[in-house]
Amino acid sequence: MNHYGISRACRVLKMSKSVYYYNPLPKDDTAIETALQEKAEQHSEEGFWKAYARLRAEGKTWNHKRVYRIYKSLGLSLL
């Protein structure tokens, strides 16, 4: 039984060792979820961009891609 090191395996796969060792930090999206649900209750007929604009007007600096991912996962686009 042959055992090869991580360096060799990464080289064979043409992958950086940093990719192998990368461990993403857990994201706490509860604040975004709460804010989006509040906006959905207050303004049920609005879409994502209006809800996002309202959050920005309140001073929230969250990235629109992150907010949209959570918006979709909550199923708010189906309302």
Protein backbone atom coordinates (compact mmCIF):
# COMPACT_ATOMS: atom_id res chain seq x y z
CA MET A 1 0.00 0.00 0.00
CA ASN A 2 1.52 3.29 -1.11
CA HIS A 3 0.98 6.45 0.88
CA TYR A 4 1.63 9.72 -0.86
CA GLY A 5 1.86 13.07 0.82
CA ILE A 6 -0.52 15.95 0.47
CA SER A 7 2.05 17.94 -1.49
CA ARG A 8 2.30 15.27 -4.15
CA ALA A 9 -1.45 14.71 -4.32
CA CYS A 10 -2.05 18.43 -4.76
CA ARG A 11 0.65 18.63 -7.42
CA VAL A 12 -0.91 15.72 -9.36
CA LEU A 13 -4.33 17.38 -9.18
CA LYS A 14 -2.79 20.78 -10.04
CA MET A 15 -4.34 22.17 -6.90
CA SER A 16 -2.82 24.56 -4.40
CA LYS A 17 -2.18 23.22 -0.91
CA SER A 18 -3.97 26.27 0.45
CA VAL A 19 -7.14 25.04 -1.28
CA TYR A 20 -6.73 21.66 0.42
CA TYR A 21 -6.29 23.23 3.85
CA TYR A 22 -8.93 25.96 3.41
CA ASN A 23 -11.57 25.88 6.13
CA PRO A 24 -14.36 28.44 5.57
CA LEU A 25 -15.65 30.42 8.52
CA PRO A 26 -19.29 29.78 9.43
CA LYS A 27 -21.53 32.66 8.44
CA ASP A 28 -24.11 33.98 10.85
CA ASP A 29 -26.91 35.27 8.62
CA THR A 30 -29.57 35.61 11.32
CA ALA A 31 -29.44 39.43 11.29
CA ILE A 32 -30.02 39.50 7.53
CA GLU A 33 -32.79 36.90 7.77
CA THR A 34 -34.57 38.90 10.47
CA ALA A 35 -34.27 42.17 8.56
CA LEU A 36 -35.57 40.59 5.32
CA GLN A 37 -38.51 38.98 7.08
CA GLU A 38 -39.43 42.32 8.66
CA LYS A 39 -39.31 44.01 5.25
CA ALA A 40 -41.45 41.22 3.78
CA GLU A 41 -44.09 41.73 6.49
CA GLN A 42 -44.12 45.52 6.13
CA HIS A 43 -43.98 45.67 2.33
CA SER A 44 -45.28 42.37 0.99
CA GLU A 45 -45.74 43.54 -2.62
CA GLU A 46 -42.17 44.67 -3.16
CA GLY A 47 -39.40 42.72 -4.80
CA PHE A 48 -35.82 42.11 -3.81
CA TRP A 49 -34.30 45.36 -5.06
CA LYS A 50 -36.76 47.57 -3.20
CA ALA A 51 -36.25 45.56 -0.02
CA TYR A 52 -32.49 45.80 -0.50
CA ALA A 53 -32.73 49.56 -1.08
CA ARG A 54 -34.69 49.94 2.16
CA LEU A 55 -32.02 47.99 4.04
CA ARG A 56 -29.30 50.22 2.55
CA ALA A 57 -31.30 53.31 3.52
CA GLU A 58 -31.30 52.01 7.09
CA GLY A 59 -27.50 51.89 6.98
CA LYS A 60 -27.01 48.16 6.42
CA THR A 61 -23.88 47.58 4.34
CA TRP A 62 -24.47 43.95 3.42
CA ASN A 63 -23.41 42.78 -0.04
CA HIS A 64 -26.37 42.42 -2.44
CA LYS A 65 -25.27 38.93 -3.50
CA ARG A 66 -25.29 37.69 0.08
CA VAL A 67 -28.66 39.32 0.81
CA TYR A 68 -30.13 37.85 -2.40
CA ARG A 69 -28.88 34.36 -1.50
CA ILE A 70 -30.66 34.60 1.86
CA TYR A 71 -33.73 36.21 0.25
CA LYS A 72 -34.06 33.20 -2.06
CA SER A 73 -33.38 30.65 0.69
CA LEU A 74 -36.21 32.16 2.79
CA GLY A 75 -38.55 31.77 -0.19
CA LEU A 76 -39.46 35.44 -0.19
CA SER A 77 -39.35 35.62 -3.99
CA LEU A 78 -42.40 33.33 -4.05
CA LEU A 79 -44.62 35.69 -2.03
